[in-house]
Structures are given as C-alpha cells and as structure tokens.
C-alpha atoms as a PDB file:
ATOM      1  CA  MET A   1      20.813 -17.233  37.617  1.00  0.00           C
ATOM      2  CA  ILE A   2      24.058 -17.235  35.814  1.00  0.00           C
ATOM      3  CA  ARG A   3      25.932 -14.102  37.261  1.00  0.00           C
ATOM      4  CA  HIS A   4      29.402 -14.329  35.273  1.00  0.00           C
ATOM      5  CA  PRO A   5      28.888 -13.201  31.864  1.00  0.00           C
ATOM      6  CA  SER A   6      31.892 -13.400  30.611  1.00  0.00           C
ATOM      7  CA  LEU A   7      35.584 -13.571  31.711  1.00  0.00           C
ATOM      8  CA  THR A   8      37.340 -10.433  33.204  1.00  0.00           C
ATOM      9  CA  ARG A   9      40.811  -8.996  32.444  1.00  0.00           C
ATOM     10  CA  ARG A  10      41.488  -9.217  35.675  1.00  0.00           C
ATOM     11  CA  ALA A  11      40.145 -12.582  36.812  1.00  0.00           C
ATOM     12  CA  PHE A  12      41.803 -14.279  33.724  1.00  0.00           C
ATOM     13  CA  LEU A  13      45.280 -12.386  34.539  1.00  0.00           C
ATOM     14  CA  ALA A  14      45.174 -13.329  38.337  1.00  0.00           C
ATOM     15  CA  GLY A  15      44.344 -17.501  36.982  1.00  0.00           C
ATOM     16  CA  ALA A  16      47.086 -17.066  34.814  1.00  0.00           C
ATOM     17  CA  GLY A  17      49.577 -15.412  37.745  1.00  0.00           C
ATOM     18  CA  ALA A  18      50.251 -12.190  35.316  1.00  0.00           C
ATOM     19  CA  ALA A  19      52.854  -9.783  37.578  1.00  0.00           C
ATOM     20  CA  MET A  20      50.865  -7.036  37.290  1.00  0.00           C
ATOM     21  CA  ALA A  21      48.596  -4.538  38.626  1.00  0.00           C
ATOM     22  CA  ALA A  22      44.684  -5.973  38.899  1.00  0.00           C
ATOM     23  CA  ALA A  23      43.345  -3.082  38.451  1.00  0.00           C
ATOM     24  CA  ALA A  24      44.452  -2.258  34.298  1.00  0.00           C
ATOM     25  CA  LEU A  25      45.675  -4.398  31.775  1.00  0.00           C
ATOM     26  CA  PRO A  26      49.233  -2.947  30.370  1.00  0.00           C
ATOM     27  CA  SER A  27      49.510  -2.158  26.347  1.00  0.00           C
ATOM     28  CA  ILE A  28      49.938  -5.188  24.451  1.00  0.00           C
ATOM     29  CA  ALA A  29      52.026  -3.137  22.296  1.00  0.00           C
ATOM     30  CA  ALA A  30      54.427  -2.194  25.413  1.00  0.00           C
ATOM     31  CA  ALA A  31      55.045  -5.899  26.348  1.00  0.00           C
ATOM     32  CA  ARG A  32      54.378  -8.396  24.076  1.00  0.00           C
ATOM     33  CA  ALA A  33      56.752 -11.155  22.588  1.00  0.00           C
ATOM     34  CA  ALA A  34      54.360 -12.217  19.979  1.00  0.00           C
ATOM     35  CA  THR A  35      53.751 -10.832  16.347  1.00  0.00           C
ATOM     36  CA  SER A  36      50.995 -13.517  15.787  1.00  0.00           C
ATOM     37  CA  ILE A  37      48.737 -15.694  17.604  1.00  0.00           C
ATOM     38  CA  ARG A  38      47.556 -19.234  16.274  1.00  0.00           C
ATOM     39  CA  ILE A  39      44.283 -20.810  17.029  1.00  0.00           C
ATOM     40  CA  GLY A  40      42.989 -24.269  16.475  1.00  0.00           C
ATOM     41  CA  TYR A  41      38.954 -24.430  16.326  1.00  0.00           C
ATOM     42  CA  GLN A  42      36.537 -26.741  15.586  1.00  0.00           C
ATOM     43  CA  LYS A  43      33.496 -26.492  13.004  1.00  0.00           C
ATOM     44  CA  ALA A  44      31.614 -27.058  16.246  1.00  0.00           C
ATOM     45  CA  ALA A  45      33.257 -24.790  18.614  1.00  0.00           C
ATOM     46  CA  SER A  46      30.627 -22.168  17.446  1.00  0.00           C
ATOM     47  CA  THR A  47      31.876 -18.899  20.085  1.00  0.00           C
ATOM     48  CA  LEU A  48      35.423 -19.184  18.001  1.00  0.00           C
ATOM     49  CA  VAL A  49      33.777 -19.852  14.580  1.00  0.00           C
ATOM     50  CA  LEU A  50      31.628 -16.678  15.326  1.00  0.00           C
ATOM     51  CA  LEU A  51      34.756 -15.184  16.512  1.00  0.00           C
ATOM     52  CA  LYS A  52      36.178 -15.508  13.359  1.00  0.00           C
ATOM     53  CA  ALA A  53      33.628 -15.166  10.864  1.00  0.00           C
ATOM     54  CA  HIS A  54      33.066 -11.642  12.450  1.00  0.00           C
ATOM     55  CA  GLY A  55      36.628 -10.526  12.494  1.00  0.00           C
ATOM     56  CA  THR A  56      36.772  -9.403  15.809  1.00  0.00           C
ATOM     57  CA  LEU A  57      39.917 -10.232  17.194  1.00  0.00           C
ATOM     58  CA  GLU A  58      42.145  -9.017  13.606  1.00  0.00           C
ATOM     59  CA  LYS A  59      40.099  -5.701  14.597  1.00  0.00           C
ATOM     60  CA  ARG A  60      41.693  -5.363  18.070  1.00  0.00           C
ATOM     61  CA  PHE A  61      45.076  -7.017  17.006  1.00  0.00           C
ATOM     62  CA  ALA A  62      45.734  -5.190  13.609  1.00  0.00           C
ATOM     63  CA  PRO A  63      46.466  -1.948  15.251  1.00  0.00           C
ATOM     64  CA  LEU A  64      49.008  -3.469  17.797  1.00  0.00           C
ATOM     65  CA  GLY A  65      51.096  -5.331  14.693  1.00  0.00           C
ATOM     66  CA  ILE A  66      49.616  -8.646  15.912  1.00  0.00           C
ATOM     67  CA  THR A  67      48.123 -10.974  12.831  1.00  0.00           C
ATOM     68  CA  VAL A  68      45.457 -13.919  13.721  1.00  0.00           C
ATOM     69  CA  LYS A  69      45.900 -17.247  11.765  1.00  0.00           C
ATOM     70  CA  TRP A  70      42.847 -20.139  12.202  1.00  0.00           C
ATOM     71  CA  THR A  71      43.289 -23.758  11.349  1.00  0.00           C
ATOM     72  CA  GLU A  72      40.458 -26.335  11.747  1.00  0.00           C
ATOM     73  CA  PHE A  73      40.313 -29.026  13.056  1.00  0.00           C
ATOM     74  CA  PRO A  74      37.823 -32.404  12.870  1.00  0.00           C
ATOM     75  CA  ALA A  75      37.962 -33.032  16.856  1.00  0.00           C
ATOM     76  CA  GLY A  76      39.495 -32.492  20.066  1.00  0.00           C
ATOM     77  CA  PRO A  77      42.473 -34.969  20.167  1.00  0.00           C
ATOM     78  CA  GLN A  78      43.673 -33.554  16.484  1.00  0.00           C
ATOM     79  CA  LEU A  79      43.459 -29.823  17.751  1.00  0.00           C
ATOM     80  CA  LEU A  80      45.352 -30.958  20.969  1.00  0.00           C
ATOM     81  CA  GLU A  81      48.427 -32.928  19.156  1.00  0.00           C
ATOM     82  CA  GLY A  82      48.769 -29.857  17.107  1.00  0.00           C
ATOM     83  CA  LEU A  83      49.337 -27.971  19.761  1.00  0.00           C
ATOM     84  CA  ASN A  84      51.879 -30.104  21.191  1.00  0.00           C
ATOM     85  CA  VAL A  85      53.735 -30.091  18.187  1.00  0.00           C
ATOM     86  CA  GLY A  86      53.321 -26.470  18.275  1.00  0.00           C
ATOM     87  CA  SER A  87      51.711 -25.593  14.985  1.00  0.00           C
ATOM     88  CA  ILE A  88      49.046 -23.653  17.016  1.00  0.00           C
ATOM     89  CA  ASP A  89      49.080 -21.522  20.224  1.00  0.00           C
ATOM     90  CA  PHE A  90      45.688 -21.790  21.746  1.00  0.00           C
ATOM     91  CA  GLY A  91      42.985 -24.152  21.288  1.00  0.00           C
ATOM     92  CA  TYR A  92      39.131 -24.849  22.246  1.00  0.00           C
ATOM     93  CA  VAL A  93      38.354 -28.443  23.152  1.00  0.00           C
ATOM     94  CA  GLY A  94      36.345 -30.507  25.093  1.00  0.00           C
ATOM     95  CA  GLU A  95      37.691 -32.107  29.107  1.00  0.00           C
ATOM     96  CA  ALA A  96      39.312 -35.675  27.561  1.00  0.00           C
ATOM     97  CA  PRO A  97      41.512 -34.008  25.114  1.00  0.00           C
ATOM     98  CA  PRO A  98      43.922 -32.398  27.585  1.00  0.00           C
ATOM     99  CA  VAL A  99      44.082 -35.184  29.665  1.00  0.00           C
ATOM    100  CA  ILE A 100      45.275 -37.556  26.994  1.00  0.00           C
ATOM    101  CA  ALA A 101      46.837 -34.608  26.093  1.00  0.00           C
ATOM    102  CA  GLN A 102      49.248 -34.541  29.080  1.00  0.00           C
ATOM    103  CA  ALA A 103      49.532 -37.997  29.444  1.00  0.00           C
ATOM    104  CA  ALA A 104      51.458 -37.763  26.033  1.00  0.00           C
ATOM    105  CA  GLY A 105      53.241 -34.711  27.443  1.00  0.00           C
ATOM    106  CA  ALA A 106      52.137 -32.230  25.831  1.00  0.00           C
ATOM    107  CA  ASN A 107      53.391 -28.235  26.640  1.00  0.00           C
ATOM    108  CA  PHE A 108      49.976 -27.015  27.230  1.00  0.00           C
ATOM    109  CA  VAL A 109      48.080 -24.561  30.227  1.00  0.00           C
ATOM    110  CA  TYR A 110      44.302 -24.456  30.921  1.00  0.00           C
ATOM    111  CA  THR A 111      43.492 -21.151  30.202  1.00  0.00           C
ATOM    112  CA  ALA A 112      39.638 -21.592  30.911  1.00  0.00           C
ATOM    113  CA  TYR A 113      36.510 -23.354  31.000  1.00  0.00           C
ATOM    114  CA  GLU A 114      33.116 -23.107  30.249  1.00  0.00           C
ATOM    115  CA  ILE A 115      30.438 -24.009  32.615  1.00  0.00           C
ATOM    116  CA  PRO A 116      28.503 -27.203  32.554  1.00  0.00           C
ATOM    117  CA  THR A 117      26.602 -28.296  29.183  1.00  0.00           C
ATOM    118  CA  PRO A 118      25.797 -31.714  30.403  1.00  0.00           C
ATOM    119  CA  HIS A 119      22.701 -31.270  27.738  1.00  0.00           C
ATOM    120  CA  ALA A 120      25.398 -31.015  24.718  1.00  0.00           C
ATOM    121  CA  GLU A 121      26.431 -34.609  24.353  1.00  0.00           C
ATOM    122  CA  GLY A 122      24.594 -37.911  24.140  1.00  0.00           C
ATOM    123  CA  ILE A 123      23.870 -41.394  23.519  1.00  0.00           C
ATOM    124  CA  LEU A 124      21.821 -42.211  20.481  1.00  0.00           C
ATOM    125  CA  VAL A 125      20.909 -45.667  19.478  1.00  0.00           C
ATOM    126  CA  HIS A 126      18.302 -46.400  16.135  1.00  0.00           C
ATOM    127  CA  ARG A 127      14.451 -45.930  17.546  1.00  0.00           C
ATOM    128  CA  ASP A 128      13.353 -49.329  17.108  1.00  0.00           C
ATOM    129  CA  ALA A 129      16.334 -50.836  18.762  1.00  0.00           C
ATOM    130  CA  PRO A 130      15.914 -53.394  22.416  1.00  0.00           C
ATOM    131  CA  ILE A 131      18.054 -50.912  24.071  1.00  0.00           C
ATOM    132  CA  LYS A 132      15.985 -49.091  26.608  1.00  0.00           C
ATOM    133  CA  SER A 133      19.099 -48.153  28.947  1.00  0.00           C
ATOM    134  CA  VAL A 134      22.756 -47.768  28.997  1.00  0.00           C
ATOM    135  CA  ALA A 135      23.177 -50.844  31.231  1.00  0.00           C
ATOM    136  CA  ASP A 136      21.797 -52.441  27.429  1.00  0.00           C
ATOM    137  CA  LEU A 137      24.718 -51.585  25.879  1.00  0.00           C
ATOM    138  CA  LYS A 138      27.041 -54.541  27.075  1.00  0.00           C
ATOM    139  CA  GLY A 139      27.948 -56.215  24.532  1.00  0.00           C
ATOM    140  CA  LYS A 140      27.094 -53.686  21.653  1.00  0.00           C
ATOM    141  CA  LYS A 141      28.830 -51.679  19.584  1.00  0.00           C
ATOM    142  CA  VAL A 142      29.125 -47.948  20.301  1.00  0.00           C
ATOM    143  CA  ALA A 143      30.666 -45.135  17.649  1.00  0.00           C
ATOM    144  CA  PHE A 144      32.430 -42.473  19.080  1.00  0.00           C
ATOM    145  CA  ASN A 145      35.305 -40.084  18.754  1.00  0.00           C
ATOM    146  CA  LYS A 146      38.481 -41.587  20.486  1.00  0.00           C
ATOM    147  CA  GLY A 147      40.048 -39.240  22.888  1.00  0.00           C
ATOM    148  CA  SER A 148      36.907 -37.315  22.832  1.00  0.00           C
ATOM    149  CA  ASP A 149      35.094 -35.455  25.282  1.00  0.00           C
ATOM    150  CA  VAL A 150      32.135 -38.402  24.397  1.00  0.00           C
ATOM    151  CA  HIS A 151      35.149 -41.390  24.975  1.00  0.00           C
ATOM    152  CA  TRP A 152      34.892 -39.791  28.871  1.00  0.00           C
ATOM    153  CA  PHE A 153      31.024 -39.596  29.043  1.00  0.00           C
ATOM    154  CA  LEU A 154      29.767 -43.196  27.689  1.00  0.00           C
ATOM    155  CA  VAL A 155      32.948 -44.115  30.558  1.00  0.00           C
ATOM    156  CA  ALA A 156      31.367 -42.513  32.725  1.00  0.00           C
ATOM    157  CA  ALA A 157      27.467 -43.462  32.270  1.00  0.00           C
ATOM    158  CA  LEU A 158      28.642 -47.098  31.495  1.00  0.00           C
ATOM    159  CA  GLN A 159      30.463 -46.675  34.942  1.00  0.00           C
ATOM    160  CA  LYS A 160      26.857 -45.418  36.668  1.00  0.00           C
ATOM    161  CA  ALA A 161      24.656 -48.177  34.589  1.00  0.00           C
ATOM    162  CA  GLY A 162      27.370 -50.667  35.899  1.00  0.00           C
ATOM    163  CA  VAL A 163      28.985 -51.436  33.070  1.00  0.00           C
ATOM    164  CA  GLN A 164      32.296 -51.955  32.547  1.00  0.00           C
ATOM    165  CA  TYR A 165      33.882 -50.577  29.725  1.00  0.00           C
ATOM    166  CA  ALA A 166      35.706 -53.836  28.853  1.00  0.00           C
ATOM    167  CA  GLU A 167      31.738 -55.003  28.088  1.00  0.00           C
ATOM    168  CA  ILE A 168      30.531 -52.803  25.390  1.00  0.00           C
ATOM    169  CA  GLN A 169      32.594 -52.984  21.705  1.00  0.00           C
ATOM    170  CA  PRO A 170      34.008 -49.582  21.276  1.00  0.00           C
ATOM    171  CA  ALA A 171      33.854 -48.110  17.081  1.00  0.00           C
ATOM    172  CA  PHE A 172      36.326 -45.518  17.615  1.00  0.00           C
ATOM    173  CA  LEU A 173      35.332 -43.400  14.555  1.00  0.00           C
ATOM    174  CA  PRO A 174      34.858 -38.599  13.452  1.00  0.00           C
ATOM    175  CA  PRO A 175      31.364 -37.650  13.765  1.00  0.00           C
ATOM    176  CA  ALA A 176      30.920 -38.078  10.248  1.00  0.00           C
ATOM    177  CA  ASP A 177      31.873 -41.488   9.526  1.00  0.00           C
ATOM    178  CA  ALA A 178      29.893 -42.713  12.920  1.00  0.00           C
ATOM    179  CA  ARG A 179      27.255 -40.930  11.492  1.00  0.00           C
ATOM    180  CA  SER A 180      27.274 -42.899   8.887  1.00  0.00           C
ATOM    181  CA  ALA A 181      28.046 -46.204  10.399  1.00  0.00           C
ATOM    182  CA  PHE A 182      25.221 -45.365  12.365  1.00  0.00           C
ATOM    183  CA  GLU A 183      22.715 -45.110   9.491  1.00  0.00           C
ATOM    184  CA  ARG A 184      23.636 -48.120   7.825  1.00  0.00           C
ATOM    185  CA  GLY A 185      23.551 -50.331  11.262  1.00  0.00           C
ATOM    186  CA  ALA A 186      26.921 -50.785  11.736  1.00  0.00           C
ATOM    187  CA  VAL A 187      27.000 -50.091  14.937  1.00  0.00           C
ATOM    188  CA  ASP A 188      24.127 -50.163  17.706  1.00  0.00           C
ATOM    189  CA  ALA A 189      25.033 -46.736  19.326  1.00  0.00           C
ATOM    190  CA  TRP A 190      26.729 -43.741  18.975  1.00  0.00           C
ATOM    191  CA  ALA A 191      27.962 -41.040  21.215  1.00  0.00           C
ATOM    192  CA  ILE A 192      28.118 -37.455  20.223  1.00  0.00           C
ATOM    193  CA  TRP A 193      27.700 -33.815  20.787  1.00  0.00           C
ATOM    194  CA  ASP A 194      25.867 -30.680  19.112  1.00  0.00           C
ATOM    195  CA  PRO A 195      25.471 -29.725  17.019  1.00  0.00           C
ATOM    196  CA  PHE A 196      25.917 -33.236  15.081  1.00  0.00           C
ATOM    197  CA  LEU A 197      23.970 -34.386  18.146  1.00  0.00           C
ATOM    198  CA  GLU A 198      20.672 -32.310  16.909  1.00  0.00           C
ATOM    199  CA  ALA A 199      20.745 -33.277  13.453  1.00  0.00           C
ATOM    200  CA  ALA A 200      21.187 -36.949  14.164  1.00  0.00           C
ATOM    201  CA  LYS A 201      17.890 -37.002  16.450  1.00  0.00           C
ATOM    202  CA  ARG A 202      15.977 -35.289  14.281  1.00  0.00           C
ATOM    203  CA  GLN A 203      17.568 -36.484  10.503  1.00  0.00           C
ATOM    204  CA  THR A 204      18.309 -40.172  11.406  1.00  0.00           C
ATOM    205  CA  ASN A 205      15.874 -43.045  12.902  1.00  0.00           C
ATOM    206  CA  ALA A 206      17.888 -42.001  16.579  1.00  0.00           C
ATOM    207  CA  ARG A 207      16.474 -41.954  19.344  1.00  0.00           C
ATOM    208  CA  LEU A 208      18.489 -40.739  22.782  1.00  0.00           C
ATOM    209  CA  LEU A 209      19.655 -43.136  24.568  1.00  0.00           C
ATOM    210  CA  THR A 210      20.428 -40.329  27.563  1.00  0.00           C
ATOM    211  CA  ASP A 211      22.286 -37.505  27.547  1.00  0.00           C
ATOM    212  CA  GLY A 212      24.974 -36.209  30.334  1.00  0.00           C
ATOM    213  CA  ALA A 213      22.447 -34.551  33.044  1.00  0.00           C
ATOM    214  CA  GLY A 214      23.434 -36.509  35.780  1.00  0.00           C
ATOM    215  CA  ILE A 215      26.542 -38.518  34.878  1.00  0.00           C
ATOM    216  CA  VAL A 216      29.405 -35.391  33.785  1.00  0.00           C
ATOM    217  CA  SER A 217      29.479 -32.134  33.930  1.00  0.00           C
ATOM    218  CA  HIS A 218      30.835 -31.473  30.514  1.00  0.00           C
ATOM    219  CA  HIS A 219      33.063 -28.429  30.465  1.00  0.00           C
ATOM    220  CA  GLN A 220      34.728 -27.064  27.250  1.00  0.00           C
ATOM    221  CA  PHE A 221      38.216 -25.776  27.792  1.00  0.00           C
ATOM    222  CA  PHE A 222      40.774 -22.918  26.185  1.00  0.00           C
ATOM    223  CA  LEU A 223      44.201 -23.756  26.280  1.00  0.00           C
ATOM    224  CA  SER A 224      47.306 -22.598  25.658  1.00  0.00           C
ATOM    225  CA  ALA A 225      51.170 -23.860  24.359  1.00  0.00           C
ATOM    226  CA  ARG A 226      52.502 -22.948  27.596  1.00  0.00           C
ATOM    227  CA  PRO A 227      55.748 -21.142  26.188  1.00  0.00           C
ATOM    228  CA  PHE A 228      53.102 -18.614  24.566  1.00  0.00           C
ATOM    229  CA  ALA A 229      51.272 -18.289  27.901  1.00  0.00           C
ATOM    230  CA  GLN A 230      53.781 -17.823  29.864  1.00  0.00           C
ATOM    231  CA  GLU A 231      55.128 -15.346  27.608  1.00  0.00           C
ATOM    232  CA  ASN A 232      52.363 -13.446  26.145  1.00  0.00           C
ATOM    233  CA  ALA A 233      49.818 -13.431  28.937  1.00  0.00           C
ATOM    234  CA  ASP A 234      48.416 -10.111  28.032  1.00  0.00           C
ATOM    235  CA  VAL A 235      47.354 -11.225  24.523  1.00  0.00           C
ATOM    236  CA  ILE A 236      46.287 -14.902  25.660  1.00  0.00           C
ATOM    237  CA  ALA A 237      43.530 -12.024  27.903  1.00  0.00           C
ATOM    238  CA  ALA A 238      42.427  -9.896  24.789  1.00  0.00           C
ATOM    239  CA  VAL A 239      41.997 -13.366  23.273  1.00  0.00           C
ATOM    240  CA  VAL A 240      39.492 -14.546  26.302  1.00  0.00           C
ATOM    241  CA  ASP A 241      37.833 -11.455  27.043  1.00  0.00           C
ATOM    242  CA  GLU A 242      36.689 -11.770  23.202  1.00  0.00           C
ATOM    243  CA  VAL A 243      35.712 -14.907  23.859  1.00  0.00           C
ATOM    244  CA  GLY A 244      33.697 -13.957  26.864  1.00  0.00           C
ATOM    245  CA  LYS A 245      31.633 -10.648  24.779  1.00  0.00           C
ATOM    246  CA  GLU A 246      31.184 -13.141  21.796  1.00  0.00           C
ATOM    247  CA  GLY A 247      29.323 -15.950  24.209  1.00  0.00           C
ATOM    248  CA  LYS A 248      27.380 -13.232  25.598  1.00  0.00           C
ATOM    249  CA  TRP A 249      26.676 -12.072  22.609  1.00  0.00           C
ATOM    250  CA  VAL A 250      25.267 -15.753  21.144  1.00  0.00           C
ATOM    251  CA  ARG A 251      23.360 -16.111  24.515  1.00  0.00           C
ATOM    252  CA  GLY A 252      21.075 -13.347  23.244  1.00  0.00           C
ATOM    253  CA  HIS A 253      20.556 -13.474  19.972  1.00  0.00           C
ATOM    254  CA  ASN A 254      20.616 -17.298  18.989  1.00  0.00           C
ATOM    255  CA  ALA A 255      18.600 -17.373  16.410  1.00  0.00           C
ATOM    256  CA  GLU A 256      20.955 -14.758  14.375  1.00  0.00           C
ATOM    257  CA  ALA A 257      24.456 -16.685  15.731  1.00  0.00           C
ATOM    258  CA  ALA A 258      22.223 -19.556  13.945  1.00  0.00           C
ATOM    259  CA  ALA A 259      21.641 -18.263  11.185  1.00  0.00           C
ATOM    260  CA  GLN A 260      25.042 -16.890  10.669  1.00  0.00           C
ATOM    261  CA  LEU A 261      26.204 -20.194  11.353  1.00  0.00           C
ATOM    262  CA  ALA A 262      24.327 -22.722   9.226  1.00  0.00           C
ATOM    263  CA  PRO A 263      26.271 -21.929   6.252  1.00  0.00           C
ATOM    264  CA  ILE A 264      29.346 -22.335   8.100  1.00  0.00           C
ATOM    265  CA  GLN A 265      28.554 -25.632   9.986  1.00  0.00           C
ATOM    266  CA  GLY A 266      26.619 -26.882   6.910  1.00  0.00           C
ATOM    267  CA  LEU A 267      23.332 -27.521   8.902  1.00  0.00           C
ATOM    268  CA  ASP A 268      20.169 -26.222   9.213  1.00  0.00           C
ATOM    269  CA  ALA A 269      19.523 -23.077  11.434  1.00  0.00           C
ATOM    270  CA  SER A 270      16.908 -24.937  13.576  1.00  0.00           C
ATOM    271  CA  VAL A 271      19.390 -27.433  14.422  1.00  0.00           C
ATOM    272  CA  ILE A 272      22.347 -24.953  14.964  1.00  0.00           C
ATOM    273  CA  GLU A 273      20.091 -23.150  17.506  1.00  0.00           C
ATOM    274  CA  SER A 274      18.918 -25.934  19.329  1.00  0.00           C
ATOM    275  CA  GLY A 275      22.440 -27.132  20.072  1.00  0.00           C
ATOM    276  CA  LEU A 276      23.263 -23.619  20.800  1.00  0.00           C
ATOM    277  CA  ARG A 277      20.669 -23.748  23.578  1.00  0.00           C
ATOM    278  CA  HIS A 278      22.742 -26.420  25.347  1.00  0.00           C
ATOM    279  CA  TYR A 279      25.553 -24.816  25.660  1.00  0.00           C
ATOM    280  CA  ALA A 280      26.203 -22.631  28.165  1.00  0.00           C
ATOM    281  CA  HIS A 281      28.914 -19.468  26.315  1.00  0.00           C
ATOM    282  CA  VAL A 282      29.718 -19.023  29.688  1.00  0.00           C
ATOM    283  CA  TYR A 283      33.613 -18.712  30.491  1.00  0.00           C
ATOM    284  CA  ARG A 284      35.732 -19.027  34.001  1.00  0.00           C
ATOM    285  CA  PRO A 285      39.660 -18.685  34.769  1.00  0.00           C
ATOM    286  CA  ILE A 286      40.795 -22.090  35.789  1.00  0.00           C
ATOM    287  CA  ASP A 287      40.333 -22.824  39.475  1.00  0.00           C
ATOM    288  CA  ALA A 288      40.156 -25.708  41.698  1.00  0.00           C
ATOM    289  CA  SER A 289      37.134 -27.969  41.376  1.00  0.00           C
ATOM    290  CA  VAL A 290      37.032 -27.878  37.931  1.00  0.00           C
ATOM    291  CA  LEU A 291      40.791 -29.359  37.912  1.00  0.00           C
ATOM    292  CA  ALA A 292      39.329 -31.960  40.401  1.00  0.00           C
ATOM    293  CA  GLU A 293      36.924 -32.782  37.887  1.00  0.00           C
ATOM    294  CA  GLN A 294      39.709 -33.403  35.096  1.00  0.00           C
ATOM    295  CA  GLN A 295      41.504 -35.460  37.685  1.00  0.00           C
ATOM    296  CA  ARG A 296      38.721 -37.538  38.177  1.00  0.00           C
ATOM    297  CA  ILE A 297      38.693 -38.399  34.547  1.00  0.00           C
ATOM    298  CA  ALA A 298      42.568 -38.492  34.638  1.00  0.00           C
ATOM    299  CA  ASP A 299      42.584 -41.041  37.520  1.00  0.00           C
ATOM    300  CA  ALA A 300      39.542 -43.354  35.543  1.00  0.00           C
ATOM    301  CA  PHE A 301      41.584 -43.076  31.885  1.00  0.00           C
ATOM    302  CA  ALA A 302      44.809 -44.244  33.731  1.00  0.00           C
ATOM    303  CA  GLN A 303      42.808 -47.179  35.535  1.00  0.00           C
ATOM    304  CA  LEU A 304      41.358 -48.105  32.100  1.00  0.00           C
ATOM    305  CA  ARG A 305      44.529 -47.666  30.099  1.00  0.00           C
ATOM    306  CA  ILE A 306      43.179 -45.167  28.191  1.00  0.00           C
ATOM    307  CA  ILE A 307      46.576 -43.225  29.121  1.00  0.00           C
ATOM    308  CA  PRO A 308      50.243 -44.817  30.067  1.00  0.00           C
ATOM    309  CA  GLN A 309      49.740 -43.100  33.381  1.00  0.00           C
ATOM    310  CA  GLN A 310      48.837 -42.076  36.256  1.00  0.00           C
ATOM    311  CA  ILE A 311      48.806 -37.222  35.648  1.00  0.00           C
ATOM    312  CA  VAL A 312      48.238 -35.014  38.217  1.00  0.00           C
ATOM    313  CA  THR A 313      46.042 -32.349  36.479  1.00  0.00           C
ATOM    314  CA  LYS A 314      47.517 -29.338  38.286  1.00  0.00           C
ATOM    315  CA  ASP A 315      50.598 -29.586  36.648  1.00  0.00           C
ATOM    316  CA  ALA A 316      49.199 -28.614  33.721  1.00  0.00           C
ATOM    317  CA  VAL A 317      48.535 -24.453  34.346  1.00  0.00           C
ATOM    318  CA  LEU A 318      50.094 -21.446  35.579  1.00  0.00           C
ATOM    319  CA  GLN A 319      48.353 -20.757  38.551  1.00  0.00           C
ATOM    320  CA  VAL A 320      45.051 -21.907  40.210  1.00  0.00           C
ATOM    321  CA  ALA A 321      42.370 -18.642  40.036  1.00  0.00           C
ATOM    322  CA  LYS A 322      41.126 -18.491  43.820  1.00  0.00           C
ATOM    323  CA  GLY A 323      37.803 -17.632  44.874  1.00  0.00           C
END
C-alpha cells in the first residue's frame, strides 16, 4: 500500500539541503530571491497540466509577488534544453533526459521523483505482425523519441531479450510523427508512453508487445535549474508541495481529472483515465536508491555511446535525502 501521499516540505527541504529548522518553513516573502518561477511541462504530464489549469500556484504565490510562467514542450529532451539555456527554472521529465542533459553539461539538480510507473510505457507492434517477443525486434525498425524515457526502456528491454541495441533500426520520431509512421506501416514497432500509449492501443491496429513491468522502473523526475534551486529552496518546496497535493487529488478523482484533461490533451476522457491509472502521482525527495537507478542508465548509455562520456548522477543533486 502506498504510504506517501505527497512530498512534505520538511522531507523536500532535507533532500535539497536547505539550512533551516525542520519544524517550520520560513516565509517565502522573507527569504526569496525570485519574483517569478518559470515552469516547463509536457501535455502528457497530467499533474502539472492540472496544476496549471487549476491556477493553484498562482493563488499561492500572488500574495507574495511571485508570478508563475508556464512553457509547454513536446517531450523531455526539449524541456531539458530549455532548462539548460535558462528559459525555465523547473520541469518534469522521464528518467533518460536528465542523464543525457547531464552528459551535455546542463546545470540542473534532481528535485523530486515519482515512484515507479512501469505500466505507463510500452512497445507496440501491428496486430497481425509476426513479432511475438522483444527478441523478434532484431533487424526491425522501431520508432521512439530520441533521448526520452522510452529510449532507455527500449535499450533495457533489448538487453533483457539478448538483443544488441545496434541490431535494431532506430527511427527517431516525436510521438505524433511516430504514430503516423506506425499507422502507415513505415515502422515495425513503436515505443511510447501514456496517454499516447493507451490512445494507440485503442485507436490503431496495435498490439502491446510489452510494457515496462519487470524491465524498468520508469521514474519521472522534477528537475530545477541549479542556481534557482540554490537561491530559492523555499519557492521550489512550495511548488513540490502543491504538486503533491494535486497528485493526491488525481489519485482519488481519476474520472474527474480525465474529464478536465480531455480538451487539453485532445484525447477521449476514457483513454486519459486509463493512462492516469498507470501513473502513481506520488512524489518523494531524491534518495540514494533512485540515483543508483539513474546511474545504471548513465552507464548503459555511455557504453552504447548514446552519451559521449561517463557521468556521476549524484553530482546533479544538492544533497541526497536520508532514509
């Protein structure tokens, strides 16, 4: 049973290494350096999308003179680029983009993570295709978004099946283009995440070859620009606190959340509701165990030359939470 409904301020600040008493959070108005926070999000990042739609952060920060600015990105790699060039302060991505961004020298820190959601990504093949297992992908053309969480999922799935990454034909396509290529038969398989995964399962001639269960944890991460996090730990803590509350609401109101998301994500509410059930919406401060999993991704990507050099994932934190 999940026993961590939201990330508390105290736990977050311990993870961020803020030098303040654990019993209380000082007034943001008294200590803040920022007058705004710029948040990057993806349309599929349902908790952040709902937080934006509900105006929760705006209501919390308005009395303190802090504005909230939102920027949409098509996927995690593009969001990390925005973080790297300084156009956003905070964002939510899958497990692979931070590894690639760190290898490229991006100056960010891991802020919090979502507990495992392995059923929220999968590999699709055509319903009548002779592909019956991941091993059958050898020599086949597979579409996926380069540098995204499904990039790692595909690598890990192939490794488990005894297939070398070099033995498939990657087709680097963002979700919309990948779906089009899949429907045309231009690719043999497609690795994708929810809600696009659930939509394709229902709306195309697709069969789920495998999801992430038993292959990857599929964590999602909240990241912050390092300078912003160092100077505005209280602002970041407030954002993560509200994200935790929103996640708790989603867990208890899947149908209502899906109805609100439908016109924003452009998908049927029933599709979105199924996808929401694949995510945990439970967030925790960064700890040693999740960093070890990120290190496994980094080591695999370095060996495959997906990233140009070895990295140490714990370098991208202010301080690791204990316990």
